[in-house]
Amino acid sequence: MSQEMFGLVNFGSKALTAPSFNAHELFYEEADSKIIRPIPAPATLHFDKVININSQLWQKQACVALRRYQARECNDGFSWDESDVGWENTVVHPFLDEIRLCDGEGLRECLVGQVTMVRSSDDNYYLSTVWLHPFYRRRGQLRILWPELQEMYGDFEIEQPNDSMRAFLASVHK
């Protein structure tokens, strides 16, 4: 099933069909090669509205891959994986779009960004990261999601906001 997450790219066909196929390693190679792309759900499947420890592995792999893209772009390090330990206190709110795949198999729901919330030791959530594929930025997606995040998590903290996040916060707290 994970092979279908590579339908937007047309490279490494041997890697995609090899008996030792490893989506984690292939996503790592993409990020290391500075390939940043939307990640499609496998055919007929859809991303959860909120992705968490109980979500299917392919969804967690897609989220980890996007976070890896963010780490490359922002030079901020990366230590998250798709294991249950990695997802124990993590919740992701995905940004999705329907995209036509290169293989001509029609439209597929794709992960194009995400908001990552983490539960701290005092059981409060904080916003850890927000990242959108460059083609999807400045479309108001975080602004649309913001009231839902506030309703779900209350008055949450934001971990190390960058200049863009500080400007966003100033605009929503007018």
N, C-alpha and C. Protein backbone atom coordinates (compact mmCIF):
# COMPACT_ATOMS: atom_id res chain seq x y z
N MET A 1 0.82 -1.19 0.00
CA MET A 1 0.00 0.00 0.00
C MET A 1 0.87 1.26 0.00
N SER A 2 1.99 1.27 0.71
CA SER A 2 2.82 2.46 0.80
C SER A 2 3.40 2.87 -0.55
N GLN A 3 3.57 1.92 -1.46
CA GLN A 3 4.10 2.26 -2.78
C GLN A 3 3.23 3.30 -3.47
N GLU A 4 1.93 3.27 -3.21
CA GLU A 4 1.02 4.20 -3.85
C GLU A 4 1.23 5.64 -3.39
N MET A 5 1.97 5.84 -2.32
CA MET A 5 2.25 7.18 -1.83
C MET A 5 3.30 7.87 -2.67
N PHE A 6 3.85 7.17 -3.65
CA PHE A 6 4.87 7.74 -4.51
C PHE A 6 4.35 7.96 -5.93
N GLY A 7 3.03 8.03 -6.10
CA GLY A 7 2.40 8.20 -7.42
C GLY A 7 2.60 9.56 -8.05
N LEU A 8 3.06 10.56 -7.29
CA LEU A 8 3.29 11.88 -7.86
C LEU A 8 4.68 12.03 -8.43
N VAL A 9 5.53 11.05 -8.17
CA VAL A 9 6.89 11.11 -8.67
C VAL A 9 7.13 9.91 -9.56
N ASN A 10 8.05 10.07 -10.49
CA ASN A 10 8.30 9.00 -11.44
C ASN A 10 9.79 8.65 -11.39
N PHE A 11 10.27 8.27 -10.22
CA PHE A 11 11.66 7.89 -10.08
C PHE A 11 11.74 6.60 -9.28
N GLY A 12 12.86 5.94 -9.42
CA GLY A 12 13.13 4.77 -8.59
C GLY A 12 12.13 3.64 -8.75
N SER A 13 11.65 3.39 -9.97
CA SER A 13 10.64 2.34 -10.12
C SER A 13 11.12 1.00 -9.58
N LYS A 14 12.42 0.73 -9.65
CA LYS A 14 12.95 -0.51 -9.07
C LYS A 14 12.76 -0.50 -7.56
N ALA A 15 13.00 0.65 -6.94
CA ALA A 15 12.85 0.75 -5.48
C ALA A 15 11.40 0.55 -5.07
N LEU A 16 10.48 0.97 -5.93
CA LEU A 16 9.06 0.87 -5.58
C LEU A 16 8.54 -0.56 -5.68
N THR A 17 9.18 -1.38 -6.50
CA THR A 17 8.69 -2.74 -6.70
C THR A 17 9.59 -3.80 -6.05
N ALA A 18 10.68 -3.36 -5.45
CA ALA A 18 11.60 -4.32 -4.83
C ALA A 18 10.93 -5.00 -3.64
N PRO A 19 11.26 -6.26 -3.38
CA PRO A 19 10.69 -6.97 -2.23
C PRO A 19 11.04 -6.29 -0.90
N SER A 20 12.15 -5.56 -0.89
CA SER A 20 12.58 -4.90 0.35
C SER A 20 12.11 -3.45 0.41
N PHE A 21 11.02 -3.12 -0.27
CA PHE A 21 10.50 -1.75 -0.30
C PHE A 21 10.38 -1.19 1.11
N ASN A 22 10.89 0.02 1.32
CA ASN A 22 10.84 0.66 2.62
C ASN A 22 10.46 2.12 2.42
N ALA A 23 9.19 2.46 2.70
CA ALA A 23 8.70 3.82 2.49
C ALA A 23 9.48 4.82 3.33
N HIS A 24 9.80 4.45 4.56
CA HIS A 24 10.55 5.36 5.44
C HIS A 24 11.87 5.78 4.79
N GLU A 25 12.62 4.81 4.27
CA GLU A 25 13.90 5.11 3.63
C GLU A 25 13.73 5.92 2.36
N LEU A 26 12.71 5.61 1.56
CA LEU A 26 12.49 6.34 0.31
C LEU A 26 12.08 7.78 0.60
N PHE A 27 11.24 8.01 1.60
CA PHE A 27 10.90 9.39 1.99
C PHE A 27 12.15 10.12 2.46
N TYR A 28 13.01 9.44 3.21
CA TYR A 28 14.25 10.06 3.68
C TYR A 28 15.12 10.46 2.49
N GLU A 29 15.25 9.56 1.51
CA GLU A 29 16.06 9.87 0.32
C GLU A 29 15.49 11.06 -0.43
N GLU A 30 14.16 11.14 -0.54
CA GLU A 30 13.54 12.29 -1.20
C GLU A 30 13.92 13.58 -0.49
N ALA A 31 13.75 13.63 0.82
CA ALA A 31 14.05 14.85 1.57
C ALA A 31 15.54 15.19 1.47
N ASP A 32 16.38 14.18 1.55
CA ASP A 32 17.82 14.40 1.45
C ASP A 32 18.18 14.95 0.07
N SER A 33 17.41 14.58 -0.95
CA SER A 33 17.63 15.08 -2.31
C SER A 33 16.90 16.39 -2.57
N LYS A 34 16.27 16.92 -1.52
CA LYS A 34 15.52 18.18 -1.57
C LYS A 34 14.30 18.10 -2.47
N ILE A 35 13.72 16.91 -2.54
CA ILE A 35 12.44 16.74 -3.23
C ILE A 35 11.35 17.03 -2.20
N ILE A 36 10.52 18.01 -2.49
CA ILE A 36 9.40 18.37 -1.62
C ILE A 36 8.14 18.25 -2.47
N ARG A 37 7.23 17.38 -2.04
CA ARG A 37 6.04 17.12 -2.84
C ARG A 37 4.85 16.80 -1.96
N PRO A 38 3.65 17.04 -2.48
CA PRO A 38 2.46 16.54 -1.78
C PRO A 38 2.51 15.01 -1.74
N ILE A 39 1.94 14.43 -0.70
CA ILE A 39 2.00 12.97 -0.55
C ILE A 39 0.59 12.40 -0.68
N PRO A 40 0.36 11.57 -1.71
CA PRO A 40 -1.00 11.05 -1.93
C PRO A 40 -1.36 9.91 -0.99
N ALA A 41 -2.64 9.86 -0.66
CA ALA A 41 -3.19 8.70 0.04
C ALA A 41 -3.22 7.54 -0.95
N PRO A 42 -3.09 6.32 -0.48
CA PRO A 42 -3.27 5.18 -1.39
C PRO A 42 -4.66 5.22 -2.02
N ALA A 43 -4.79 4.63 -3.21
CA ALA A 43 -6.06 4.64 -3.94
C ALA A 43 -7.20 4.19 -3.04
N THR A 44 -8.29 4.88 -3.13
CA THR A 44 -9.55 4.65 -2.41
C THR A 44 -9.49 4.99 -0.92
N LEU A 45 -8.33 5.41 -0.41
CA LEU A 45 -8.22 5.75 1.00
C LEU A 45 -8.15 7.26 1.18
N HIS A 46 -8.42 7.72 2.39
CA HIS A 46 -8.40 9.14 2.71
C HIS A 46 -7.70 9.35 4.04
N PHE A 47 -7.08 10.52 4.16
CA PHE A 47 -6.46 10.89 5.43
C PHE A 47 -7.53 11.15 6.47
N ASP A 48 -7.22 10.84 7.72
CA ASP A 48 -8.11 11.16 8.83
C ASP A 48 -8.18 12.68 8.99
N LYS A 49 -9.28 13.17 9.54
CA LYS A 49 -9.41 14.61 9.82
C LYS A 49 -8.37 15.05 10.83
N VAL A 50 -8.07 14.20 11.80
CA VAL A 50 -7.00 14.41 12.77
C VAL A 50 -6.20 13.10 12.80
N ILE A 51 -4.91 13.20 12.58
CA ILE A 51 -4.04 12.02 12.52
C ILE A 51 -3.34 11.89 13.87
N ASN A 52 -3.40 10.66 14.43
CA ASN A 52 -2.81 10.44 15.75
C ASN A 52 -2.22 9.03 15.83
N ILE A 53 -1.87 8.61 17.01
CA ILE A 53 -1.23 7.31 17.22
C ILE A 53 -2.07 6.15 16.68
N ASN A 54 -3.40 6.32 16.64
CA ASN A 54 -4.28 5.25 16.17
C ASN A 54 -4.51 5.26 14.67
N SER A 55 -3.99 6.24 13.96
CA SER A 55 -4.16 6.32 12.51
C SER A 55 -3.30 5.24 11.84
N GLN A 56 -3.66 4.94 10.60
CA GLN A 56 -2.92 3.92 9.86
C GLN A 56 -1.48 4.37 9.61
N LEU A 57 -0.58 3.40 9.52
CA LEU A 57 0.85 3.67 9.35
C LEU A 57 1.13 4.59 8.18
N TRP A 58 0.47 4.39 7.04
CA TRP A 58 0.76 5.21 5.87
C TRP A 58 0.50 6.69 6.14
N GLN A 59 -0.48 6.99 6.97
CA GLN A 59 -0.76 8.39 7.31
C GLN A 59 0.36 8.98 8.18
N LYS A 60 0.81 8.20 9.14
CA LYS A 60 1.90 8.66 10.00
C LYS A 60 3.19 8.83 9.19
N GLN A 61 3.44 7.92 8.24
CA GLN A 61 4.62 8.05 7.39
C GLN A 61 4.56 9.34 6.57
N ALA A 62 3.38 9.67 6.05
CA ALA A 62 3.23 10.89 5.26
C ALA A 62 3.50 12.12 6.12
N CYS A 63 2.98 12.14 7.33
CA CYS A 63 3.21 13.28 8.24
C CYS A 63 4.68 13.43 8.60
N VAL A 64 5.33 12.32 8.89
CA VAL A 64 6.75 12.35 9.22
C VAL A 64 7.55 12.85 8.02
N ALA A 65 7.18 12.42 6.81
CA ALA A 65 7.87 12.88 5.61
C ALA A 65 7.73 14.39 5.45
N LEU A 66 6.52 14.93 5.66
CA LEU A 66 6.35 16.38 5.55
C LEU A 66 7.18 17.11 6.61
N ARG A 67 7.25 16.57 7.80
CA ARG A 67 8.06 17.20 8.84
C ARG A 67 9.53 17.16 8.46
N ARG A 68 9.93 16.11 7.78
CA ARG A 68 11.32 16.03 7.30
C ARG A 68 11.57 17.12 6.26
N TYR A 69 10.60 17.37 5.37
CA TYR A 69 10.74 18.46 4.38
C TYR A 69 10.91 19.78 5.12
N GLN A 70 10.09 19.99 6.15
CA GLN A 70 10.18 21.22 6.93
C GLN A 70 11.56 21.36 7.57
N ALA A 71 12.07 20.29 8.12
CA ALA A 71 13.39 20.33 8.76
C ALA A 71 14.46 20.73 7.75
N ARG A 72 14.35 20.22 6.53
CA ARG A 72 15.33 20.57 5.48
C ARG A 72 15.21 22.05 5.13
N GLU A 73 13.98 22.52 4.98
CA GLU A 73 13.76 23.91 4.57
C GLU A 73 14.19 24.88 5.68
N CYS A 74 13.88 24.56 6.92
CA CYS A 74 14.09 25.48 8.04
C CYS A 74 15.38 25.24 8.81
N ASN A 75 16.11 24.20 8.46
CA ASN A 75 17.35 23.85 9.16
C ASN A 75 17.14 23.77 10.66
N ASP A 76 16.07 23.05 11.06
CA ASP A 76 15.75 23.02 12.48
C ASP A 76 15.86 21.65 13.14
N GLY A 77 16.49 20.72 12.49
CA GLY A 77 16.65 19.40 13.09
C GLY A 77 15.40 18.56 12.95
N PHE A 78 15.54 17.29 13.26
CA PHE A 78 14.44 16.37 13.05
C PHE A 78 14.69 15.09 13.82
N SER A 79 13.71 14.68 14.64
CA SER A 79 13.91 13.42 15.39
C SER A 79 12.62 12.64 15.54
N TRP A 80 11.64 12.86 14.71
CA TRP A 80 10.33 12.22 14.80
C TRP A 80 10.28 11.02 13.86
N ASP A 81 9.55 9.99 14.23
CA ASP A 81 9.34 8.86 13.32
C ASP A 81 7.90 8.38 13.44
N GLU A 82 7.56 7.33 12.70
CA GLU A 82 6.17 6.87 12.67
C GLU A 82 5.84 5.82 13.74
N SER A 83 6.78 5.56 14.64
CA SER A 83 6.54 4.57 15.70
C SER A 83 5.50 5.09 16.70
N ASP A 84 4.93 4.16 17.47
CA ASP A 84 3.99 4.57 18.52
C ASP A 84 4.65 5.48 19.54
N VAL A 85 5.91 5.25 19.84
CA VAL A 85 6.63 6.13 20.77
C VAL A 85 6.67 7.55 20.20
N GLY A 86 6.93 7.67 18.91
CA GLY A 86 6.99 8.99 18.27
C GLY A 86 5.64 9.69 18.24
N TRP A 87 4.57 8.92 18.26
CA TRP A 87 3.21 9.49 18.15
C TRP A 87 2.47 9.51 19.49
N GLU A 88 3.11 9.11 20.55
CA GLU A 88 2.43 8.95 21.84
C GLU A 88 1.68 10.21 22.28
N ASN A 89 2.26 11.38 22.11
CA ASN A 89 1.64 12.63 22.55
C ASN A 89 1.43 13.62 21.40
N THR A 90 1.34 13.10 20.18
CA THR A 90 1.30 13.95 19.00
C THR A 90 -0.02 13.81 18.25
N VAL A 91 -0.54 14.95 17.79
CA VAL A 91 -1.76 15.00 16.98
C VAL A 91 -1.46 15.92 15.79
N VAL A 92 -1.83 15.48 14.60
CA VAL A 92 -1.59 16.27 13.40
C VAL A 92 -2.92 16.62 12.76
N HIS A 93 -3.05 17.88 12.41
CA HIS A 93 -4.20 18.38 11.65
C HIS A 93 -3.70 18.58 10.22
N PRO A 94 -4.13 17.74 9.29
CA PRO A 94 -3.59 17.80 7.93
C PRO A 94 -4.25 18.88 7.08
N PHE A 95 -3.47 19.43 6.16
CA PHE A 95 -3.98 20.25 5.07
C PHE A 95 -3.96 19.37 3.84
N LEU A 96 -5.09 19.25 3.15
CA LEU A 96 -5.24 18.30 2.05
C LEU A 96 -5.67 18.99 0.76
N ASP A 97 -5.37 18.36 -0.35
CA ASP A 97 -5.84 18.82 -1.65
C ASP A 97 -6.03 17.59 -2.55
N GLU A 98 -6.90 17.71 -3.53
CA GLU A 98 -7.08 16.66 -4.53
C GLU A 98 -6.16 16.99 -5.70
N ILE A 99 -5.25 16.08 -6.05
CA ILE A 99 -4.25 16.32 -7.08
C ILE A 99 -4.27 15.16 -8.08
N ARG A 100 -4.12 15.51 -9.36
CA ARG A 100 -4.04 14.49 -10.41
C ARG A 100 -2.64 13.88 -10.38
N LEU A 101 -2.56 12.57 -10.31
CA LEU A 101 -1.28 11.88 -10.24
C LEU A 101 -0.66 11.73 -11.63
N CYS A 102 0.66 11.60 -11.64
CA CYS A 102 1.40 11.46 -12.89
C CYS A 102 1.02 10.21 -13.66
N ASP A 103 0.60 9.18 -12.95
CA ASP A 103 0.30 7.91 -13.61
C ASP A 103 -1.05 7.91 -14.32
N GLY A 104 -1.76 9.05 -14.29
CA GLY A 104 -3.03 9.16 -14.99
C GLY A 104 -4.18 8.45 -14.32
N GLU A 105 -4.01 8.04 -13.07
CA GLU A 105 -5.05 7.29 -12.36
C GLU A 105 -6.09 8.20 -11.72
N GLY A 106 -6.20 9.43 -12.16
CA GLY A 106 -7.21 10.33 -11.63
C GLY A 106 -6.73 11.14 -10.45
N LEU A 107 -7.69 11.74 -9.77
CA LEU A 107 -7.38 12.58 -8.62
C LEU A 107 -7.16 11.73 -7.38
N ARG A 108 -6.28 12.21 -6.53
CA ARG A 108 -5.99 11.51 -5.28
C ARG A 108 -5.88 12.56 -4.18
N GLU A 109 -6.44 12.25 -3.01
CA GLU A 109 -6.28 13.14 -1.87
C GLU A 109 -4.81 13.14 -1.45
N CYS A 110 -4.24 14.34 -1.28
CA CYS A 110 -2.82 14.46 -0.96
C CYS A 110 -2.61 15.35 0.25
N LEU A 111 -1.65 14.96 1.06
CA LEU A 111 -1.22 15.75 2.20
C LEU A 111 -0.29 16.84 1.67
N VAL A 112 -0.66 18.12 1.88
CA VAL A 112 0.14 19.24 1.38
C VAL A 112 0.70 20.08 2.52
N GLY A 113 0.28 19.79 3.75
CA GLY A 113 0.77 20.53 4.90
C GLY A 113 0.15 19.98 6.17
N GLN A 114 0.58 20.55 7.31
CA GLN A 114 0.07 20.04 8.57
C GLN A 114 0.38 20.99 9.72
N VAL A 115 -0.46 20.88 10.73
CA VAL A 115 -0.23 21.53 12.02
C VAL A 115 0.00 20.40 13.00
N THR A 116 1.09 20.47 13.74
CA THR A 116 1.42 19.43 14.71
C THR A 116 1.25 19.97 16.12
N MET A 117 0.40 19.30 16.87
CA MET A 117 0.15 19.64 18.28
C MET A 117 0.76 18.53 19.14
N VAL A 118 1.39 18.92 20.24
CA VAL A 118 2.03 17.95 21.13
C VAL A 118 1.53 18.18 22.56
N ARG A 119 1.21 17.07 23.23
CA ARG A 119 0.76 17.14 24.62
C ARG A 119 2.00 17.14 25.53
N SER A 120 2.08 18.14 26.38
CA SER A 120 3.22 18.27 27.28
C SER A 120 3.00 17.46 28.55
N SER A 121 3.98 17.47 29.42
CA SER A 121 3.90 16.68 30.65
C SER A 121 2.78 17.14 31.58
N ASP A 122 2.31 18.39 31.43
CA ASP A 122 1.20 18.88 32.27
C ASP A 122 -0.16 18.65 31.59
N ASP A 123 -0.18 17.82 30.54
CA ASP A 123 -1.39 17.44 29.81
C ASP A 123 -2.01 18.58 28.99
N ASN A 124 -1.30 19.67 28.82
CA ASN A 124 -1.74 20.73 27.92
C ASN A 124 -1.07 20.53 26.57
N TYR A 125 -1.75 20.93 25.52
CA TYR A 125 -1.17 20.84 24.18
C TYR A 125 -0.50 22.15 23.82
N TYR A 126 0.56 22.05 23.02
CA TYR A 126 1.18 23.24 22.43
C TYR A 126 1.36 22.99 20.95
N LEU A 127 1.37 24.07 20.18
CA LEU A 127 1.58 23.97 18.75
C LEU A 127 3.08 23.83 18.52
N SER A 128 3.48 22.72 17.94
CA SER A 128 4.89 22.43 17.72
C SER A 128 5.35 22.96 16.37
N THR A 129 4.61 22.60 15.30
CA THR A 129 5.01 23.04 13.96
C THR A 129 3.79 23.29 13.09
N VAL A 130 3.98 24.17 12.12
CA VAL A 130 3.04 24.38 11.02
C VAL A 130 3.88 24.40 9.76
N TRP A 131 3.49 23.62 8.79
CA TRP A 131 4.24 23.63 7.53
C TRP A 131 3.28 23.35 6.38
N LEU A 132 3.43 24.11 5.31
CA LEU A 132 2.67 23.91 4.08
C LEU A 132 3.64 23.86 2.92
N HIS A 133 3.34 23.00 1.95
CA HIS A 133 4.12 22.97 0.72
C HIS A 133 4.15 24.39 0.15
N PRO A 134 5.29 24.82 -0.39
CA PRO A 134 5.38 26.20 -0.88
C PRO A 134 4.26 26.63 -1.84
N PHE A 135 3.74 25.73 -2.66
CA PHE A 135 2.67 26.08 -3.59
C PHE A 135 1.34 26.36 -2.89
N TYR A 136 1.22 25.99 -1.61
CA TYR A 136 -0.05 26.12 -0.88
C TYR A 136 -0.01 27.20 0.19
N ARG A 137 1.07 27.93 0.25
CA ARG A 137 1.18 28.97 1.27
C ARG A 137 0.39 30.22 0.89
N ARG A 138 0.09 31.00 1.90
CA ARG A 138 -0.60 32.29 1.74
C ARG A 138 -1.98 32.15 1.12
N ARG A 139 -2.67 31.07 1.46
CA ARG A 139 -4.04 30.84 0.98
C ARG A 139 -5.04 30.87 2.13
N GLY A 140 -4.59 31.18 3.33
CA GLY A 140 -5.48 31.31 4.46
C GLY A 140 -5.87 30.00 5.13
N GLN A 141 -5.17 28.92 4.82
CA GLN A 141 -5.55 27.63 5.39
C GLN A 141 -5.39 27.58 6.91
N LEU A 142 -4.32 28.15 7.43
CA LEU A 142 -4.14 28.16 8.89
C LEU A 142 -5.20 29.06 9.53
N ARG A 143 -5.52 30.17 8.91
CA ARG A 143 -6.53 31.08 9.43
C ARG A 143 -7.89 30.38 9.53
N ILE A 144 -8.20 29.55 8.57
CA ILE A 144 -9.46 28.81 8.57
C ILE A 144 -9.46 27.76 9.69
N LEU A 145 -8.33 27.08 9.88
CA LEU A 145 -8.22 26.03 10.91
C LEU A 145 -8.10 26.61 12.32
N TRP A 146 -7.62 27.82 12.46
CA TRP A 146 -7.29 28.40 13.76
C TRP A 146 -8.43 28.32 14.79
N PRO A 147 -9.67 28.72 14.45
CA PRO A 147 -10.75 28.63 15.46
C PRO A 147 -10.98 27.20 15.96
N GLU A 148 -10.85 26.23 15.08
CA GLU A 148 -11.00 24.82 15.49
C GLU A 148 -9.89 24.41 16.45
N LEU A 149 -8.66 24.85 16.18
CA LEU A 149 -7.55 24.54 17.08
C LEU A 149 -7.79 25.17 18.45
N GLN A 150 -8.27 26.41 18.47
CA GLN A 150 -8.56 27.09 19.74
C GLN A 150 -9.68 26.38 20.50
N GLU A 151 -10.68 25.92 19.77
CA GLU A 151 -11.78 25.21 20.42
C GLU A 151 -11.31 23.89 21.01
N MET A 152 -10.48 23.17 20.28
CA MET A 152 -10.02 21.85 20.73
C MET A 152 -8.99 21.95 21.86
N TYR A 153 -8.07 22.92 21.77
CA TYR A 153 -6.93 22.96 22.68
C TYR A 153 -6.91 24.16 23.63
N GLY A 154 -7.89 25.04 23.51
CA GLY A 154 -7.94 26.20 24.40
C GLY A 154 -6.84 27.20 24.07
N ASP A 155 -6.33 27.84 25.10
CA ASP A 155 -5.29 28.86 24.95
C ASP A 155 -3.92 28.18 24.97
N PHE A 156 -3.52 27.62 23.86
CA PHE A 156 -2.29 26.83 23.79
C PHE A 156 -1.07 27.71 23.51
N GLU A 157 0.07 27.20 23.92
CA GLU A 157 1.35 27.86 23.65
C GLU A 157 1.83 27.48 22.25
N ILE A 158 2.76 28.26 21.75
CA ILE A 158 3.37 27.99 20.45
C ILE A 158 4.87 27.87 20.66
N GLU A 159 5.41 26.73 20.24
CA GLU A 159 6.82 26.45 20.44
C GLU A 159 7.66 27.25 19.44
N GLN A 160 8.53 28.08 19.92
CA GLN A 160 9.50 28.83 19.12
C GLN A 160 8.91 29.40 17.84
N PRO A 161 7.94 30.33 17.94
CA PRO A 161 7.36 30.90 16.72
C PRO A 161 8.39 31.70 15.92
N ASN A 162 8.40 31.47 14.62
CA ASN A 162 9.30 32.23 13.76
C ASN A 162 8.61 33.55 13.37
N ASP A 163 9.25 34.33 12.54
CA ASP A 163 8.69 35.64 12.16
C ASP A 163 7.34 35.50 11.48
N SER A 164 7.18 34.50 10.62
CA SER A 164 5.90 34.29 9.93
C SER A 164 4.80 33.96 10.92
N MET A 165 5.09 33.11 11.90
CA MET A 165 4.08 32.75 12.89
C MET A 165 3.75 33.94 13.78
N ARG A 166 4.75 34.74 14.15
CA ARG A 166 4.48 35.93 14.97
C ARG A 166 3.58 36.90 14.21
N ALA A 167 3.82 37.07 12.92
CA ALA A 167 2.96 37.95 12.11
C ALA A 167 1.55 37.38 12.02
N PHE A 168 1.42 36.08 11.86
CA PHE A 168 0.11 35.45 11.82
C PHE A 168 -0.62 35.68 13.14
N LEU A 169 0.06 35.44 14.25
CA LEU A 169 -0.56 35.61 15.57
C LEU A 169 -1.01 37.06 15.78
N ALA A 170 -0.21 38.01 15.35
CA ALA A 170 -0.60 39.41 15.46
C ALA A 170 -1.87 39.69 14.65
N SER A 171 -1.99 39.03 13.50
CA SER A 171 -3.17 39.27 12.66
C SER A 171 -4.44 38.63 13.21
N VAL A 172 -4.33 37.54 13.96
CA VAL A 172 -5.54 36.90 14.51
C VAL A 172 -5.89 37.42 15.90
N HIS A 173 -4.99 38.16 16.52
CA HIS A 173 -5.24 38.71 17.86
C HIS A 173 -5.49 40.23 17.82
N LYS A 174 -5.94 40.73 16.71
CA LYS A 174 -6.23 42.17 16.60
C LYS A 174 -7.40 42.56 17.45
